[in-house]
C-alpha cells in the first residue's frame, strides 16, 4: 500500500487540515474562486446532556458556511443525520451574531439578535460507496416553495392540450421562487449536496472535481502502487495530498488504525448484505444479528479503535450504549 485510503476519516482530516488543499477542493467542486477562507472548529457541544456533533471539515467562504463530511459504506441514517448537521451549521452562527436594539414603550430598549446577519449554509456529503440509487455525479437539495413540487407532480396538467394552463402554472411557480421580499430567496441559497464517488469515477464527466474522487478511489485499493499516482505529480496541491497519506512514514498506530478500520468495514458489509437480502426494516433500529456475541464484541472493539461513534457501532452490532461504553473504558485501561 503506497497511499493510505483518503476516504478513511483519519486521513481525510489529515489532508483537509491543510487550508490550501481544502480551498482548492472547494474551488474545484463548486467552480468558484475563493478570495478568503476561514477554517472553523469542527467539534461542538450542543445539548444540556453534553451531546456533541463533530464535522469532518467546516469553514466560512464567499459569504457561505460550508461543511464537508466523508461517509463510508452503507448507512441507514444519512438523510436525517445530515439534515441535522445542516441545520446545526445554521444554529452555530448564533455564537458570533451581533445584537440590535429595538424601542419599547416608555422609551425602553431591548437588545435582540440581528438575524439579518445569518448567511447561507452549504453541506457537502462525500459518499465513498453509496449513490442513493442515483446515476448522476451528485444531487443537490434546497428549500423551495411547495408550489414547485405540486407543479411537477401534477400529472393531469402535463398534457399537450393543457399548454396554456401549463405555462400559467409555470409562471406562477417562477414568481414564487423569485420573490425576494424580506430576503425570501435566502431559503433557496442553503444547499444539502450528496456527492457520489462511485458515480463520479464511473461517469468520468469532465469536471474539475473528477481527479479528487479518482485519487480517493484509487487509494481504496490496499494494493495501490506508486505508479498509479504519477498523473498527479504535476499539480502541487495533489503532491501535498500524496505526501500527507504516503505510508512509507507510517508508525505502528497508523497500520493498526487501518487494520481496525478494515475489520469493522467487514462487519458493515455483512450488515448491508443482510439488510438487502432480508429486507427487514426493524434491523435498522434494532441491529441485525450477524453472528455470535463474541463476534459482535470483537466488531465493536474494532469500531471503537477506528474512531466510530456509538450510534454507528450500535447499528452494526446490536449492542447497547451501556455495553459499548464499557468496551470503551476497557480499551482506555488497556491503553
C-alpha atoms as a PDB file:
ATOM      1  CA  UNK A   1       0.000   0.000   0.000  1.00  0.00           C
ATOM      2  CA  UNK A   2       1.654   3.196  -1.236  1.00  0.00           C
ATOM      3  CA  UNK A   3      -1.067   5.625  -0.087  1.00  0.00           C
ATOM      4  CA  UNK A   4      -3.470   5.263   2.814  1.00  0.00           C
ATOM      5  CA  UNK A   5      -7.177   5.387   1.905  1.00  0.00           C
ATOM      6  CA  UNK A   6      -8.163   9.045   1.582  1.00  0.00           C
ATOM      7  CA  UNK A   7     -11.754   8.049   2.397  1.00  0.00           C
ATOM      8  CA  UNK A   8     -10.803   6.892   5.892  1.00  0.00           C
ATOM      9  CA  UNK A   9     -11.687   9.551   8.443  1.00  0.00           C
ATOM     10  CA  UNK A  10      -8.195   9.972   9.887  1.00  0.00           C
ATOM     11  CA  UNK A  11      -6.566  10.593   6.506  1.00  0.00           C
ATOM     12  CA  UNK A  12      -9.385  12.698   5.135  1.00  0.00           C
ATOM     13  CA  UNK A  13      -8.994  15.045   8.095  1.00  0.00           C
ATOM     14  CA  UNK A  14      -5.211  14.956   7.776  1.00  0.00           C
ATOM     15  CA  UNK A  15      -5.471  16.083   4.154  1.00  0.00           C
ATOM     16  CA  UNK A  16      -8.162  18.709   4.675  1.00  0.00           C
ATOM     17  CA  UNK A  17      -6.404  20.217   7.681  1.00  0.00           C
ATOM     18  CA  UNK A  18      -4.237  21.915   5.065  1.00  0.00           C
ATOM     19  CA  UNK A  19      -6.112  25.105   4.186  1.00  0.00           C
ATOM     20  CA  UNK A  20      -4.613  25.279   0.699  1.00  0.00           C
ATOM     21  CA  UNK A  21      -5.858  21.776  -0.105  1.00  0.00           C
ATOM     22  CA  UNK A  22      -9.327  22.440   1.307  1.00  0.00           C
ATOM     23  CA  UNK A  23      -9.573  25.739  -0.575  1.00  0.00           C
ATOM     24  CA  UNK A  24      -8.604  24.132  -3.868  1.00  0.00           C
ATOM     25  CA  UNK A  25     -11.094  21.275  -3.450  1.00  0.00           C
ATOM     26  CA  UNK A  26     -13.939  23.686  -2.762  1.00  0.00           C
ATOM     27  CA  UNK A  27     -12.983  25.801  -5.767  1.00  0.00           C
ATOM     28  CA  UNK A  28     -12.853  22.720  -7.989  1.00  0.00           C
ATOM     29  CA  UNK A  29     -16.125  21.234  -6.772  1.00  0.00           C
ATOM     30  CA  UNK A  30     -18.205  24.408  -6.701  1.00  0.00           C
ATOM     31  CA  UNK A  31     -16.401  26.025  -9.623  1.00  0.00           C
ATOM     32  CA  UNK A  32     -15.916  29.394  -7.961  1.00  0.00           C
ATOM     33  CA  UNK A  33     -12.955  31.461  -6.806  1.00  0.00           C
ATOM     34  CA  UNK A  34     -12.282  31.842  -3.092  1.00  0.00           C
ATOM     35  CA  UNK A  35     -10.823  35.181  -2.054  1.00  0.00           C
ATOM     36  CA  UNK A  36     -10.739  34.417   1.663  1.00  0.00           C
ATOM     37  CA  UNK A  37     -11.443  31.298   3.690  1.00  0.00           C
ATOM     38  CA  UNK A  38     -11.799  30.943   7.453  1.00  0.00           C
ATOM     39  CA  UNK A  39     -11.424  27.410   8.812  1.00  0.00           C
ATOM     40  CA  UNK A  40     -13.765  26.904  11.778  1.00  0.00           C
ATOM     41  CA  UNK A  41     -13.882  24.484  14.746  1.00  0.00           C
ATOM     42  CA  UNK A  42     -15.412  21.115  13.857  1.00  0.00           C
ATOM     43  CA  UNK A  43     -16.496  19.822  17.279  1.00  0.00           C
ATOM     44  CA  UNK A  44     -19.370  21.415  19.177  1.00  0.00           C
ATOM     45  CA  UNK A  45     -21.234  20.649  22.391  1.00  0.00           C
ATOM     46  CA  UNK A  46     -24.896  21.074  21.554  1.00  0.00           C
ATOM     47  CA  UNK A  47     -27.324  19.983  24.282  1.00  0.00           C
ATOM     48  CA  UNK A  48     -27.552  20.118  28.056  1.00  0.00           C
ATOM     49  CA  UNK A  49     -26.629  16.450  28.369  1.00  0.00           C
ATOM     50  CA  UNK A  50     -23.273  17.132  26.653  1.00  0.00           C
ATOM     51  CA  UNK A  51     -24.120  15.525  23.341  1.00  0.00           C
ATOM     52  CA  UNK A  52     -21.565  16.696  20.771  1.00  0.00           C
ATOM     53  CA  UNK A  53     -21.599  16.984  16.994  1.00  0.00           C
ATOM     54  CA  UNK A  54     -18.365  16.803  15.048  1.00  0.00           C
ATOM     55  CA  UNK A  55     -17.949  17.738  11.390  1.00  0.00           C
ATOM     56  CA  UNK A  56     -15.062  16.484   9.263  1.00  0.00           C
ATOM     57  CA  UNK A  57     -14.445  19.979   7.909  1.00  0.00           C
ATOM     58  CA  UNK A  58     -16.125  23.353   8.413  1.00  0.00           C
ATOM     59  CA  UNK A  59     -15.284  26.772   7.017  1.00  0.00           C
ATOM     60  CA  UNK A  60     -16.664  30.164   6.065  1.00  0.00           C
ATOM     61  CA  UNK A  61     -16.087  31.179   2.473  1.00  0.00           C
ATOM     62  CA  UNK A  62     -17.644  33.597  -0.027  1.00  0.00           C
ATOM     63  CA  UNK A  63     -20.388  34.556   2.426  1.00  0.00           C
ATOM     64  CA  UNK A  64     -21.371  30.920   2.994  1.00  0.00           C
ATOM     65  CA  UNK A  65     -20.786  28.456   5.799  1.00  0.00           C
ATOM     66  CA  UNK A  66     -19.653  25.163   4.297  1.00  0.00           C
ATOM     67  CA  UNK A  67     -19.228  21.771   5.929  1.00  0.00           C
ATOM     68  CA  UNK A  68     -17.831  18.635   4.301  1.00  0.00           C
ATOM     69  CA  UNK A  69     -18.364  15.179   5.725  1.00  0.00           C
ATOM     70  CA  UNK A  70     -16.858  11.949   4.441  1.00  0.00           C
ATOM     71  CA  UNK A  71     -19.127   8.897   4.631  1.00  0.00           C
ATOM     72  CA  UNK A  72     -18.205   5.252   4.209  1.00  0.00           C
ATOM     73  CA  UNK A  73     -20.213   2.255   3.078  1.00  0.00           C
ATOM     74  CA  UNK A  74     -23.904   1.642   3.630  1.00  0.00           C
ATOM     75  CA  UNK A  75     -25.612   3.726   6.335  1.00  0.00           C
ATOM     76  CA  UNK A  76     -29.312   3.991   7.002  1.00  0.00           C
ATOM     77  CA  UNK A  77     -29.490   7.454   8.567  1.00  0.00           C
ATOM     78  CA  UNK A  78     -27.553   9.726   6.216  1.00  0.00           C
ATOM     79  CA  UNK A  79     -30.592  11.742   5.123  1.00  0.00           C
ATOM     80  CA  UNK A  80     -31.873  12.704   8.563  1.00  0.00           C
ATOM     81  CA  UNK A  81     -28.425  12.887  10.155  1.00  0.00           C
ATOM     82  CA  UNK A  82     -27.079  15.330   7.626  1.00  0.00           C
ATOM     83  CA  UNK A  83     -30.236  17.380   7.681  1.00  0.00           C
ATOM     84  CA  UNK A  84     -29.476  17.774  11.378  1.00  0.00           C
ATOM     85  CA  UNK A  85     -25.832  18.674  10.657  1.00  0.00           C
ATOM     86  CA  UNK A  86     -27.005  21.118   8.026  1.00  0.00           C
ATOM     87  CA  UNK A  87     -29.415  22.764  10.472  1.00  0.00           C
ATOM     88  CA  UNK A  88     -26.766  22.788  13.192  1.00  0.00           C
ATOM     89  CA  UNK A  89     -24.400  24.714  10.951  1.00  0.00           C
ATOM     90  CA  UNK A  90     -27.065  27.422  10.754  1.00  0.00           C
ATOM     91  CA  UNK A  91     -27.685  27.441  14.504  1.00  0.00           C
ATOM     92  CA  UNK A  92     -23.963  27.718  15.278  1.00  0.00           C
ATOM     93  CA  UNK A  93     -23.991  31.182  13.715  1.00  0.00           C
ATOM     94  CA  UNK A  94     -25.654  32.379  16.921  1.00  0.00           C
ATOM     95  CA  UNK A  95     -22.203  32.226  18.529  1.00  0.00           C
ATOM     96  CA  UNK A  96     -20.998  35.390  16.859  1.00  0.00           C
ATOM     97  CA  UNK A  97     -24.243  37.033  15.831  1.00  0.00           C
ATOM     98  CA  UNK A  98     -24.421  40.723  16.867  1.00  0.00           C
ATOM     99  CA  UNK A  99     -27.328  42.247  18.751  1.00  0.00           C
ATOM    100  CA  UNK A 100     -29.514  45.134  17.722  1.00  0.00           C
ATOM    101  CA  UNK A 101     -31.597  47.421  19.919  1.00  0.00           C
ATOM    102  CA  UNK A 102     -35.323  47.866  19.465  1.00  0.00           C
ATOM    103  CA  UNK A 103     -37.504  50.565  21.043  1.00  0.00           C
ATOM    104  CA  UNK A 104     -40.186  49.509  23.514  1.00  0.00           C
ATOM    105  CA  UNK A 105     -42.948  51.509  25.155  1.00  0.00           C
ATOM    106  CA  UNK A 106     -41.729  54.154  27.558  1.00  0.00           C
ATOM    107  CA  UNK A 107     -38.518  54.789  25.636  1.00  0.00           C
ATOM    108  CA  UNK A 108     -37.100  51.495  26.904  1.00  0.00           C
ATOM    109  CA  UNK A 109     -34.808  49.497  24.666  1.00  0.00           C
ATOM    110  CA  UNK A 110     -34.159  45.791  24.339  1.00  0.00           C
ATOM    111  CA  UNK A 111     -31.255  44.001  22.680  1.00  0.00           C
ATOM    112  CA  UNK A 112     -32.154  41.106  20.376  1.00  0.00           C
ATOM    113  CA  UNK A 113     -30.205  39.058  17.885  1.00  0.00           C
ATOM    114  CA  UNK A 114     -29.947  40.613  14.443  1.00  0.00           C
ATOM    115  CA  UNK A 115     -30.914  37.663  12.255  1.00  0.00           C
ATOM    116  CA  UNK A 116     -30.255  39.709   9.133  1.00  0.00           C
ATOM    117  CA  UNK A 117     -26.637  38.637   9.661  1.00  0.00           C
ATOM    118  CA  UNK A 118     -27.489  34.969   9.093  1.00  0.00           C
ATOM    119  CA  UNK A 119     -25.733  33.651   5.977  1.00  0.00           C
ATOM    120  CA  UNK A 120     -26.448  30.538   3.854  1.00  0.00           C
ATOM    121  CA  UNK A 121     -25.179  27.086   4.724  1.00  0.00           C
ATOM    122  CA  UNK A 122     -23.920  24.536   2.219  1.00  0.00           C
ATOM    123  CA  UNK A 123     -23.448  20.949   3.384  1.00  0.00           C
ATOM    124  CA  UNK A 124     -21.486  18.588   1.140  1.00  0.00           C
ATOM    125  CA  UNK A 125     -21.624  14.879   1.933  1.00  0.00           C
ATOM    126  CA  UNK A 126     -18.893  12.922   0.153  1.00  0.00           C
ATOM    127  CA  UNK A 127     -20.237   9.366  -0.178  1.00  0.00           C
ATOM    128  CA  UNK A 128     -17.401   6.920  -0.728  1.00  0.00           C
ATOM    129  CA  UNK A 129     -19.551   3.900  -1.614  1.00  0.00           C
ATOM    130  CA  UNK A 130     -23.236   4.789  -1.692  1.00  0.00           C
ATOM    131  CA  UNK A 131     -25.115   6.537  -4.508  1.00  0.00           C
ATOM    132  CA  UNK A 132     -28.666   6.636  -3.075  1.00  0.00           C
ATOM    133  CA  UNK A 133     -29.892   4.984  -6.283  1.00  0.00           C
ATOM    134  CA  UNK A 134     -28.844   7.976  -8.404  1.00  0.00           C
ATOM    135  CA  UNK A 135     -26.724   7.765 -11.550  1.00  0.00           C
ATOM    136  CA  UNK A 136     -25.603  11.414 -11.637  1.00  0.00           C
ATOM    137  CA  UNK A 137     -22.392  12.659 -10.035  1.00  0.00           C
ATOM    138  CA  UNK A 138     -24.246  14.445  -7.267  1.00  0.00           C
ATOM    139  CA  UNK A 139     -27.681  15.647  -6.205  1.00  0.00           C
ATOM    140  CA  UNK A 140     -28.446  18.974  -4.538  1.00  0.00           C
ATOM    141  CA  UNK A 141     -31.439  19.865  -2.382  1.00  0.00           C
ATOM    142  CA  UNK A 142     -32.683  23.323  -1.409  1.00  0.00           C
ATOM    143  CA  UNK A 143     -35.721  24.603   0.465  1.00  0.00           C
ATOM    144  CA  UNK A 144     -38.189  25.822  -2.114  1.00  0.00           C
ATOM    145  CA  UNK A 145     -41.906  26.515  -2.329  1.00  0.00           C
ATOM    146  CA  UNK A 146     -44.371  23.622  -2.356  1.00  0.00           C
ATOM    147  CA  UNK A 147     -45.848  25.293  -5.422  1.00  0.00           C
ATOM    148  CA  UNK A 148     -42.948  23.902  -7.446  1.00  0.00           C
ATOM    149  CA  UNK A 149     -43.399  20.340  -6.141  1.00  0.00           C
ATOM    150  CA  UNK A 150     -47.117  20.456  -6.802  1.00  0.00           C
ATOM    151  CA  UNK A 151     -46.470  21.698 -10.333  1.00  0.00           C
ATOM    152  CA  UNK A 152     -44.056  18.862 -11.108  1.00  0.00           C
ATOM    153  CA  UNK A 153     -46.222  16.146  -9.548  1.00  0.00           C
ATOM    154  CA  UNK A 154     -49.498  17.202 -11.154  1.00  0.00           C
ATOM    155  CA  UNK A 155     -49.707  14.654 -13.973  1.00  0.00           C
ATOM    156  CA  UNK A 156     -53.017  15.991 -15.243  1.00  0.00           C
ATOM    157  CA  UNK A 157     -51.512  19.308 -16.274  1.00  0.00           C
ATOM    158  CA  UNK A 158     -48.701  17.742 -18.321  1.00  0.00           C
ATOM    159  CA  UNK A 159     -50.770  17.116 -21.417  1.00  0.00           C
ATOM    160  CA  UNK A 160     -50.441  18.689 -24.812  1.00  0.00           C
ATOM    161  CA  UNK A 161     -53.923  20.196 -24.702  1.00  0.00           C
ATOM    162  CA  UNK A 162     -53.107  21.944 -21.414  1.00  0.00           C
ATOM    163  CA  UNK A 163     -50.243  24.014 -22.795  1.00  0.00           C
ATOM    164  CA  UNK A 164     -51.752  27.375 -21.801  1.00  0.00           C
ATOM    165  CA  UNK A 165     -52.549  26.204 -18.281  1.00  0.00           C
ATOM    166  CA  UNK A 166     -49.092  24.662 -18.084  1.00  0.00           C
ATOM    167  CA  UNK A 167     -47.457  27.962 -18.970  1.00  0.00           C
ATOM    168  CA  UNK A 168     -49.656  29.817 -16.484  1.00  0.00           C
ATOM    169  CA  UNK A 169     -48.714  27.441 -13.680  1.00  0.00           C
ATOM    170  CA  UNK A 170     -45.068  27.691 -14.647  1.00  0.00           C
ATOM    171  CA  UNK A 171     -45.255  31.469 -14.454  1.00  0.00           C
ATOM    172  CA  UNK A 172     -46.865  31.230 -11.017  1.00  0.00           C
ATOM    173  CA  UNK A 173     -44.017  28.985  -9.806  1.00  0.00           C
ATOM    174  CA  UNK A 174     -41.457  31.362 -11.270  1.00  0.00           C
ATOM    175  CA  UNK A 175     -42.989  34.315  -9.456  1.00  0.00           C
ATOM    176  CA  UNK A 176     -42.931  32.359  -6.195  1.00  0.00           C
ATOM    177  CA  UNK A 177     -39.315  31.243  -6.325  1.00  0.00           C
ATOM    178  CA  UNK A 178     -38.051  34.660  -7.491  1.00  0.00           C
ATOM    179  CA  UNK A 179     -39.897  36.579  -4.793  1.00  0.00           C
ATOM    180  CA  UNK A 180     -37.151  38.268  -2.752  1.00  0.00           C
ATOM    181  CA  UNK A 181     -39.430  40.122  -0.351  1.00  0.00           C
ATOM    182  CA  UNK A 182     -37.726  40.338   3.047  1.00  0.00           C
ATOM    183  CA  UNK A 183     -34.990  38.021   1.694  1.00  0.00           C
ATOM    184  CA  UNK A 184     -37.213  35.026   0.936  1.00  0.00           C
ATOM    185  CA  UNK A 185     -34.560  33.913  -1.548  1.00  0.00           C
ATOM    186  CA  UNK A 186     -32.306  33.083   1.443  1.00  0.00           C
ATOM    187  CA  UNK A 187     -34.163  29.765   1.798  1.00  0.00           C
ATOM    188  CA  UNK A 188     -33.022  28.597  -1.638  1.00  0.00           C
ATOM    189  CA  UNK A 189     -29.423  29.665  -1.062  1.00  0.00           C
ATOM    190  CA  UNK A 190     -28.986  26.909   1.526  1.00  0.00           C
ATOM    191  CA  UNK A 191     -27.983  23.607  -0.058  1.00  0.00           C
ATOM    192  CA  UNK A 192     -27.575  19.988   1.013  1.00  0.00           C
ATOM    193  CA  UNK A 193     -25.440  18.175  -1.563  1.00  0.00           C
ATOM    194  CA  UNK A 194     -24.700  14.451  -1.836  1.00  0.00           C
ATOM    195  CA  UNK A 195     -21.640  13.687  -3.999  1.00  0.00           C
ATOM    196  CA  UNK A 196     -21.362  10.064  -5.141  1.00  0.00           C
ATOM    197  CA  UNK A 197     -17.777   8.876  -5.559  1.00  0.00           C
ATOM    198  CA  UNK A 198     -18.752   5.606  -7.341  1.00  0.00           C
ATOM    199  CA  UNK A 199     -20.796   7.529  -9.927  1.00  0.00           C
ATOM    200  CA  UNK A 200     -18.195  10.247 -10.459  1.00  0.00           C
ATOM    201  CA  UNK A 201     -15.467   7.690 -11.111  1.00  0.00           C
ATOM    202  CA  UNK A 202     -17.741   5.680 -13.407  1.00  0.00           C
ATOM    203  CA  UNK A 203     -19.222   8.600 -15.344  1.00  0.00           C
ATOM    204  CA  UNK A 204     -15.854  10.302 -15.895  1.00  0.00           C
ATOM    205  CA  UNK A 205     -17.658  13.506 -16.672  1.00  0.00           C
ATOM    206  CA  UNK A 206     -15.193  16.274 -17.500  1.00  0.00           C
ATOM    207  CA  UNK A 207     -15.043  18.381 -14.383  1.00  0.00           C
ATOM    208  CA  UNK A 208     -12.505  19.986 -12.098  1.00  0.00           C
ATOM    209  CA  UNK A 209     -13.561  17.743  -9.228  1.00  0.00           C
ATOM    210  CA  UNK A 210     -13.057  14.426 -11.074  1.00  0.00           C
ATOM    211  CA  UNK A 211      -9.345  13.983 -10.149  1.00  0.00           C
ATOM    212  CA  UNK A 212     -10.143  14.320  -6.450  1.00  0.00           C
ATOM    213  CA  UNK A 213     -12.593  11.447  -6.460  1.00  0.00           C
ATOM    214  CA  UNK A 214     -10.469   9.326  -8.779  1.00  0.00           C
ATOM    215  CA  UNK A 215      -7.471   9.667  -6.467  1.00  0.00           C
ATOM    216  CA  UNK A 216      -9.608   8.746  -3.460  1.00  0.00           C
ATOM    217  CA  UNK A 217     -10.998   5.747  -5.339  1.00  0.00           C
ATOM    218  CA  UNK A 218      -7.500   4.501  -6.195  1.00  0.00           C
ATOM    219  CA  UNK A 219      -6.357   4.757  -2.590  1.00  0.00           C
ATOM    220  CA  UNK A 220      -9.221   2.480  -1.506  1.00  0.00           C
ATOM    221  CA  UNK A 221      -7.357  -0.405  -3.122  1.00  0.00           C
ATOM    222  CA  UNK A 222      -4.893  -1.534  -0.451  1.00  0.00           C
ATOM    223  CA  UNK A 223      -2.621  -2.883  -3.198  1.00  0.00           C
ATOM    224  CA  UNK A 224      -2.195   0.595  -4.723  1.00  0.00           C
ATOM    225  CA  UNK A 225       1.292   1.374  -6.022  1.00  0.00           C
ATOM    226  CA  UNK A 226       3.369   4.495  -6.565  1.00  0.00           C
ATOM    227  CA  UNK A 227       2.967   4.425 -10.341  1.00  0.00           C
ATOM    228  CA  UNK A 228      -0.806   4.710 -10.052  1.00  0.00           C
ATOM    229  CA  UNK A 229      -0.430   8.343  -8.984  1.00  0.00           C
ATOM    230  CA  UNK A 230       2.149   9.674 -11.445  1.00  0.00           C
ATOM    231  CA  UNK A 231      -0.520  11.725 -13.242  1.00  0.00           C
ATOM    232  CA  UNK A 232      -0.986  13.867 -10.115  1.00  0.00           C
ATOM    233  CA  UNK A 233       2.659  14.855  -9.705  1.00  0.00           C
ATOM    234  CA  UNK A 234       2.357  17.902 -11.983  1.00  0.00           C
ATOM    235  CA  UNK A 235      -0.019  19.551  -9.512  1.00  0.00           C
ATOM    236  CA  UNK A 236       1.480  20.954  -6.289  1.00  0.00           C
ATOM    237  CA  UNK A 237      -1.748  20.510  -4.336  1.00  0.00           C
ATOM    238  CA  UNK A 238      -2.005  16.830  -5.216  1.00  0.00           C
ATOM    239  CA  UNK A 239       1.682  16.371  -4.466  1.00  0.00           C
ATOM    240  CA  UNK A 240       0.949  17.647  -0.945  1.00  0.00           C
ATOM    241  CA  UNK A 241      -2.014  15.277  -0.625  1.00  0.00           C
ATOM    242  CA  UNK A 242       0.187  12.334  -1.598  1.00  0.00           C
ATOM    243  CA  UNK A 243       2.826  13.454   0.892  1.00  0.00           C
ATOM    244  CA  UNK A 244       0.286  13.524   3.717  1.00  0.00           C
ATOM    245  CA  UNK A 245      -1.063  10.000   3.173  1.00  0.00           C
ATOM    246  CA  UNK A 246       2.097   8.264   1.960  1.00  0.00           C
ATOM    247  CA  UNK A 247       2.541   5.108   4.048  1.00  0.00           C
ATOM    248  CA  UNK A 248       6.337   4.992   3.998  1.00  0.00           C
ATOM    249  CA  UNK A 249       6.462   7.234   7.082  1.00  0.00           C
ATOM    250  CA  UNK A 250       3.623   5.493   8.928  1.00  0.00           C
ATOM    251  CA  UNK A 251       4.019   4.366  12.504  1.00  0.00           C
ATOM    252  CA  UNK A 252       2.536   1.246  14.053  1.00  0.00           C
ATOM    253  CA  UNK A 253      -0.523   3.198  15.226  1.00  0.00           C
ATOM    254  CA  UNK A 254      -1.406   4.043  11.616  1.00  0.00           C
ATOM    255  CA  UNK A 255      -1.231   0.438  10.500  1.00  0.00           C
ATOM    256  CA  UNK A 256      -3.334  -0.645  13.482  1.00  0.00           C
ATOM    257  CA  UNK A 257      -5.902   2.051  12.630  1.00  0.00           C
ATOM    258  CA  UNK A 258      -6.160   0.785   9.044  1.00  0.00           C
ATOM    259  CA  UNK A 259      -6.416  -2.808  10.250  1.00  0.00           C
ATOM    260  CA  UNK A 260      -9.177  -1.966  12.730  1.00  0.00           C
ATOM    261  CA  UNK A 261     -10.991   0.115  10.111  1.00  0.00           C
ATOM    262  CA  UNK A 262     -10.934  -2.796   7.656  1.00  0.00           C
ATOM    263  CA  UNK A 263     -12.181  -5.266  10.267  1.00  0.00           C
ATOM    264  CA  UNK A 264     -15.080  -3.035  11.134  1.00  0.00           C
ATOM    265  CA  UNK A 265     -15.860  -2.436   7.465  1.00  0.00           C
ATOM    266  CA  UNK A 266     -16.293  -6.193   7.019  1.00  0.00           C
ATOM    267  CA  UNK A 267     -18.907  -6.106   9.758  1.00  0.00           C
ATOM    268  CA  UNK A 268     -20.645  -3.279   7.921  1.00  0.00           C
ATOM    269  CA  UNK A 269     -20.650  -5.230   4.657  1.00  0.00           C
ATOM    270  CA  UNK A 270     -22.265  -8.217   6.366  1.00  0.00           C
ATOM    271  CA  UNK A 271     -24.898  -5.904   7.805  1.00  0.00           C
ATOM    272  CA  UNK A 272     -25.528  -4.440   4.352  1.00  0.00           C
ATOM    273  CA  UNK A 273     -25.851  -7.896   2.800  1.00  0.00           C
ATOM    274  CA  UNK A 274     -28.290  -8.996   5.484  1.00  0.00           C
ATOM    275  CA  UNK A 275     -30.274  -5.780   5.162  1.00  0.00           C
ATOM    276  CA  UNK A 276     -30.622  -6.091   1.389  1.00  0.00           C
ATOM    277  CA  UNK A 277     -31.337  -9.819   1.300  1.00  0.00           C
ATOM    278  CA  UNK A 278     -33.716  -9.936   4.243  1.00  0.00           C
ATOM    279  CA  UNK A 279     -35.390  -6.567   3.731  1.00  0.00           C
ATOM    280  CA  UNK A 280     -36.019  -6.291   7.465  1.00  0.00           C
ATOM    281  CA  UNK A 281     -36.628  -2.656   8.315  1.00  0.00           C
ATOM    282  CA  UNK A 282     -36.666  -3.493  12.004  1.00  0.00           C
ATOM    283  CA  UNK A 283     -32.989  -4.246  11.672  1.00  0.00           C
ATOM    284  CA  UNK A 284     -32.322  -0.568  11.107  1.00  0.00           C
ATOM    285  CA  UNK A 285     -33.447   0.272  14.619  1.00  0.00           C
ATOM    286  CA  UNK A 286     -32.526  -2.899  16.478  1.00  0.00           C
ATOM    287  CA  UNK A 287     -29.361  -4.039  14.722  1.00  0.00           C
ATOM    288  CA  UNK A 288     -29.382  -7.220  12.615  1.00  0.00           C
ATOM    289  CA  UNK A 289     -27.778 -10.200  14.312  1.00  0.00           C
ATOM    290  CA  UNK A 290     -24.783 -11.106  12.148  1.00  0.00           C
ATOM    291  CA  UNK A 291     -23.136 -13.654  14.403  1.00  0.00           C
ATOM    292  CA  UNK A 292     -22.473 -14.835  17.915  1.00  0.00           C
ATOM    293  CA  UNK A 293     -21.954 -12.419  20.794  1.00  0.00           C
ATOM    294  CA  UNK A 294     -18.188 -12.729  20.662  1.00  0.00           C
ATOM    295  CA  UNK A 295     -18.145 -11.608  17.030  1.00  0.00           C
ATOM    296  CA  UNK A 296     -20.276  -8.609  17.941  1.00  0.00           C
ATOM    297  CA  UNK A 297     -17.946  -7.686  20.781  1.00  0.00           C
ATOM    298  CA  UNK A 298     -14.905  -8.033  18.554  1.00  0.00           C
ATOM    299  CA  UNK A 299     -16.514  -5.924  15.845  1.00  0.00           C
ATOM    300  CA  UNK A 300     -17.474  -3.264  18.380  1.00  0.00           C
ATOM    301  CA  UNK A 301     -13.898  -3.094  19.672  1.00  0.00           C
ATOM    302  CA  UNK A 302     -12.643  -2.706  16.107  1.00  0.00           C
ATOM    303  CA  UNK A 303     -15.154   0.100  15.591  1.00  0.00           C
ATOM    304  CA  UNK A 304     -14.018   1.852  18.769  1.00  0.00           C
ATOM    305  CA  UNK A 305     -10.377   1.630  17.722  1.00  0.00           C
ATOM    306  CA  UNK A 306     -11.264   3.013  14.295  1.00  0.00           C
ATOM    307  CA  UNK A 307     -12.929   6.036  15.873  1.00  0.00           C
ATOM    308  CA  UNK A 308     -16.619   5.368  15.175  1.00  0.00           C
ATOM    309  CA  UNK A 309     -19.369   6.783  17.366  1.00  0.00           C
ATOM    310  CA  UNK A 310     -21.767   4.725  19.479  1.00  0.00           C
ATOM    311  CA  UNK A 311     -24.661   5.084  17.059  1.00  0.00           C
ATOM    312  CA  UNK A 312     -22.720   3.562  14.170  1.00  0.00           C
ATOM    313  CA  UNK A 313     -21.360   0.712  16.294  1.00  0.00           C
ATOM    314  CA  UNK A 314     -24.786   0.072  17.809  1.00  0.00           C
ATOM    315  CA  UNK A 315     -26.427  -0.100  14.393  1.00  0.00           C
ATOM    316  CA  UNK A 316     -23.848  -2.557  13.070  1.00  0.00           C
ATOM    317  CA  UNK A 317     -23.628  -4.840  16.128  1.00  0.00           C
ATOM    318  CA  UNK A 318     -26.907  -4.505  18.019  1.00  0.00           C
ATOM    319  CA  UNK A 319     -25.047  -3.782  21.255  1.00  0.00           C
ATOM    320  CA  UNK A 320     -26.430  -1.222  23.693  1.00  0.00           C
ATOM    321  CA  UNK A 321     -24.821   2.098  24.577  1.00  0.00           C
ATOM    322  CA  UNK A 322     -24.036   0.676  28.008  1.00  0.00           C
ATOM    323  CA  UNK A 323     -22.191  -2.290  26.501  1.00  0.00           C
ATOM    324  CA  UNK A 324     -20.286  -0.099  24.045  1.00  0.00           C
ATOM    325  CA  UNK A 325     -19.286   2.402  26.750  1.00  0.00           C
ATOM    326  CA  UNK A 326     -17.986  -0.445  28.888  1.00  0.00           C
ATOM    327  CA  UNK A 327     -15.873  -1.636  25.964  1.00  0.00           C
ATOM    328  CA  UNK A 328     -14.576   1.921  25.525  1.00  0.00           C
ATOM    329  CA  UNK A 329     -13.477   2.028  29.162  1.00  0.00           C
ATOM    330  CA  UNK A 330     -11.810  -1.374  28.810  1.00  0.00           C
ATOM    331  CA  UNK A 331      -9.869  -0.085  25.793  1.00  0.00           C
ATOM    332  CA  UNK A 332      -8.803   3.020  27.720  1.00  0.00           C
ATOM    333  CA  UNK A 333      -7.476   0.855  30.546  1.00  0.00           C
ATOM    334  CA  UNK A 334      -5.523  -1.287  28.077  1.00  0.00           C
ATOM    335  CA  UNK A 335      -4.054   1.918  26.653  1.00  0.00           C
END
